[in-house]
């Protein structure tokens, strides 16, 4: 059984990823309206490209935590499976520690950028004249949640190193071919039933 903090983290990460997905859907709708408006009526929504840049930043930062929880970040593991199980467990936790360090560095940089934007009252030099702190706060929140998630997983991995190294492989190791095939067939079965 996973600790409650992991279940809560997954729920929040899923909600953030769904929010990012909805932002992409709204952006697609805006782009469609803009294209139809320009081609059919000679009218354009101003700032669709600017909003697109913000959405891409949101999607990246808001989706990283769920990607980490789903073990979907790319890994180079060509020789990894030949290592002894104990060494693999230690390397998984080390990978989580490096990811947490990287995520904390990203968050620190995002916070620094956000503070500077607020201090100078920066706005975009576009028709929307968006105060830059508005998109940056979402980007910062997503990055900070990614860092928090990475730290939680690292601590959980460290605790498991002492008790249950085999579980580390299942929770934090790269997905096996069998797991990926099972996930694919489960998705196909679910959508075939709809």
Protein backbone atom coordinates (compact mmCIF):
# COMPACT_ATOMS: atom_id res chain seq x y z
CA UNK A 1 0.00 0.00 0.00
CA UNK A 2 1.32 3.42 -0.93
CA UNK A 3 1.49 6.12 1.72
CA UNK A 4 -1.38 8.63 1.71
CA UNK A 5 0.97 11.41 0.58
CA UNK A 6 1.69 9.52 -2.65
CA UNK A 7 -2.03 9.07 -3.35
CA UNK A 8 -2.71 12.76 -2.70
CA UNK A 9 0.27 13.76 -4.85
CA UNK A 10 -1.03 11.61 -7.71
CA UNK A 11 -4.52 13.14 -7.44
CA UNK A 12 -3.15 16.69 -7.52
CA UNK A 13 -0.80 15.82 -10.40
CA UNK A 14 -3.71 14.32 -12.34
CA UNK A 15 -5.83 17.43 -11.77
CA UNK A 16 -2.99 19.69 -12.93
CA UNK A 17 -2.43 17.55 -16.03
CA UNK A 18 -6.15 17.65 -16.82
CA UNK A 19 -6.08 21.43 -16.42
CA UNK A 20 -3.17 21.58 -18.85
CA UNK A 21 -5.11 19.40 -21.28
CA UNK A 22 -8.13 21.70 -21.03
CA UNK A 23 -5.87 24.69 -21.71
CA UNK A 24 -4.66 22.98 -24.91
CA UNK A 25 -8.28 22.30 -25.94
CA UNK A 26 -9.23 25.96 -25.37
CA UNK A 27 -6.15 27.06 -27.31
CA UNK A 28 -7.11 24.76 -30.21
CA UNK A 29 -10.59 26.30 -30.20
CA UNK A 30 -9.13 29.84 -30.20
CA UNK A 31 -6.81 28.98 -33.08
CA UNK A 32 -9.72 27.52 -35.03
CA UNK A 33 -11.84 30.63 -34.44
CA UNK A 34 -8.89 32.82 -35.42
CA UNK A 35 -8.31 30.92 -38.66
CA UNK A 36 -11.99 30.93 -39.62
CA UNK A 37 -12.26 34.61 -38.68
CA UNK A 38 -9.23 35.60 -40.74
CA UNK A 39 -10.07 33.51 -43.80
CA UNK A 40 -13.85 33.98 -43.79
CA UNK A 41 -14.42 37.42 -42.35
CA UNK A 42 -11.10 39.24 -42.44
CA UNK A 43 -11.10 39.56 -38.64
CA UNK A 44 -8.40 38.20 -36.37
CA UNK A 45 -8.26 37.52 -32.66
CA UNK A 46 -5.24 39.37 -31.39
CA UNK A 47 -2.79 37.45 -29.25
CA UNK A 48 -3.58 33.84 -30.13
CA UNK A 49 0.10 33.13 -30.77
CA UNK A 50 1.02 34.77 -27.45
CA UNK A 51 -1.55 32.67 -25.60
CA UNK A 52 -0.16 29.61 -27.38
CA UNK A 53 3.27 30.28 -25.91
CA UNK A 54 1.81 30.55 -22.43
CA UNK A 55 -0.14 27.33 -22.86
CA UNK A 56 2.99 25.48 -23.94
CA UNK A 57 4.77 26.68 -20.81
CA UNK A 58 1.79 25.61 -18.66
CA UNK A 59 1.57 22.19 -20.27
CA UNK A 60 5.25 21.56 -19.73
CA UNK A 61 5.33 22.57 -16.10
CA UNK A 62 1.94 21.18 -15.09
CA UNK A 63 2.52 17.79 -16.70
CA UNK A 64 5.99 16.99 -15.37
CA UNK A 65 4.84 15.68 -11.97
CA UNK A 66 2.36 13.19 -13.45
CA UNK A 67 4.97 12.12 -15.99
CA UNK A 68 7.36 11.40 -13.12
CA UNK A 69 4.70 9.50 -11.16
CA UNK A 70 3.87 7.42 -14.26
CA UNK A 71 7.58 6.65 -14.83
CA UNK A 72 7.27 8.18 -18.30
CA UNK A 73 10.39 10.36 -18.39
CA UNK A 74 12.84 8.89 -20.91
CA UNK A 75 15.68 6.78 -19.56
CA UNK A 76 18.71 5.21 -21.11
CA UNK A 77 18.62 1.71 -19.67
CA UNK A 78 20.31 -0.48 -22.30
CA UNK A 79 22.60 -2.20 -19.77
CA UNK A 80 20.58 -1.44 -16.68
CA UNK A 81 18.71 -4.74 -16.50
CA UNK A 82 21.93 -6.75 -16.21
CA UNK A 83 22.91 -5.01 -12.96
CA UNK A 84 22.19 -6.79 -9.67
CA UNK A 85 18.79 -5.94 -8.14
CA UNK A 86 20.33 -4.19 -5.11
CA UNK A 87 22.46 -1.92 -7.30
CA UNK A 88 19.45 -1.13 -9.51
CA UNK A 89 17.44 -0.10 -6.43
CA UNK A 90 20.21 2.25 -5.31
CA UNK A 91 20.49 3.70 -8.84
CA UNK A 92 16.71 4.28 -9.01
CA UNK A 93 16.84 6.26 -5.78
CA UNK A 94 19.92 8.13 -7.01
CA UNK A 95 18.01 8.99 -10.20
CA UNK A 96 15.14 10.31 -8.07
CA UNK A 97 17.62 12.40 -6.06
CA UNK A 98 19.12 13.87 -9.24
CA UNK A 99 15.62 14.57 -10.58
CA UNK A 100 14.67 16.27 -7.29
CA UNK A 101 17.83 18.37 -7.42
CA UNK A 102 17.14 19.37 -11.01
CA UNK A 103 13.49 20.19 -10.21
CA UNK A 104 14.53 22.30 -7.22
CA UNK A 105 17.03 24.17 -9.42
CA UNK A 106 14.28 24.77 -12.01
CA UNK A 107 11.95 26.05 -9.30
CA UNK A 108 14.63 28.35 -7.88
CA UNK A 109 15.25 29.78 -11.36
CA UNK A 110 11.51 30.18 -12.00
CA UNK A 111 11.09 31.94 -8.65
CA UNK A 112 14.02 34.25 -9.42
CA UNK A 113 12.49 35.11 -12.80
CA UNK A 114 9.07 35.68 -11.21
CA UNK A 115 10.50 38.00 -8.54
CA UNK A 116 12.34 40.03 -11.15
CA UNK A 117 9.19 40.32 -13.26
CA UNK A 118 7.16 41.52 -10.29
CA UNK A 119 9.87 43.95 -9.20
CA UNK A 120 10.03 45.62 -12.62
CA UNK A 121 6.29 45.32 -13.36
CA UNK A 122 7.14 43.76 -16.72
CA UNK A 123 4.44 43.44 -19.36
CA UNK A 124 4.59 41.99 -22.84
CA UNK A 125 5.08 44.29 -25.81
CA UNK A 126 2.17 42.67 -27.64
CA UNK A 127 -1.42 43.73 -28.30
CA UNK A 128 -2.54 41.92 -25.13
CA UNK A 129 0.06 43.69 -22.94
CA UNK A 130 -0.08 40.82 -20.47
CA UNK A 131 1.59 41.40 -17.11
CA UNK A 132 4.28 38.72 -17.23
CA UNK A 133 3.69 37.63 -13.65
CA UNK A 134 0.33 36.12 -14.70
CA UNK A 135 1.69 33.30 -16.90
CA UNK A 136 4.82 33.02 -14.77
CA UNK A 137 2.86 32.24 -11.60
CA UNK A 138 1.29 29.18 -13.28
CA UNK A 139 4.68 28.13 -14.63
CA UNK A 140 6.23 28.59 -11.19
CA UNK A 141 3.43 26.64 -9.48
CA UNK A 142 3.78 23.73 -11.90
CA UNK A 143 7.53 23.65 -11.53
CA UNK A 144 7.31 23.86 -7.73
CA UNK A 145 4.81 21.00 -7.63
CA UNK A 146 7.14 18.95 -9.83
CA UNK A 147 9.97 19.63 -7.36
CA UNK A 148 7.76 18.69 -4.42
CA UNK A 149 6.71 15.48 -6.16
CA UNK A 150 10.31 14.56 -6.96
CA UNK A 151 11.35 15.18 -3.34
CA UNK A 152 8.46 13.07 -2.01
CA UNK A 153 9.37 10.19 -4.34
CA UNK A 154 13.04 10.47 -3.40
CA UNK A 155 12.24 10.28 0.34
CA UNK A 156 9.89 7.35 -0.27
CA UNK A 157 12.60 5.62 -2.28
CA UNK A 158 15.15 6.19 0.48
CA UNK A 159 12.75 4.67 3.03
CA UNK A 160 12.19 1.67 0.79
CA UNK A 161 15.95 1.13 0.41
CA UNK A 162 15.99 0.06 4.04
CA UNK A 163 12.90 -2.20 3.89
CA UNK A 164 11.83 -3.34 0.43
CA UNK A 165 14.30 -2.94 -2.42
CA UNK A 166 12.22 -5.07 -4.78
CA UNK A 167 9.38 -2.57 -4.49
CA UNK A 168 11.68 0.23 -5.63
CA UNK A 169 12.07 -1.56 -8.97
CA UNK A 170 8.28 -1.78 -9.40
CA UNK A 171 7.58 1.80 -8.34
CA UNK A 172 10.54 3.74 -9.66
CA UNK A 173 12.26 1.59 -12.25
CA UNK A 174 11.64 2.01 -15.96
CA UNK A 175 8.49 0.23 -17.13
CA UNK A 176 9.11 -3.23 -18.48
CA UNK A 177 8.02 -4.20 -21.97
CA UNK A 178 5.26 -6.31 -20.40
CA UNK A 179 3.98 -3.30 -18.41
CA UNK A 180 3.97 -1.11 -21.50
CA UNK A 181 2.11 -3.73 -23.54
CA UNK A 182 -0.41 -4.22 -20.72
CA UNK A 183 -0.94 -0.46 -20.47
CA UNK A 184 -1.43 -0.20 -24.23
CA UNK A 185 -3.90 -3.09 -24.42
CA UNK A 186 -5.82 -1.75 -21.40
CA UNK A 187 -6.15 1.61 -23.13
CA UNK A 188 -7.22 0.00 -26.39
CA UNK A 189 -9.80 -2.15 -24.59
CA UNK A 190 -11.16 0.84 -22.67
CA UNK A 191 -11.60 2.95 -25.83
CA UNK A 192 -12.98 0.06 -27.87
CA UNK A 193 -15.80 -0.28 -25.32
CA UNK A 194 -16.80 3.40 -25.67
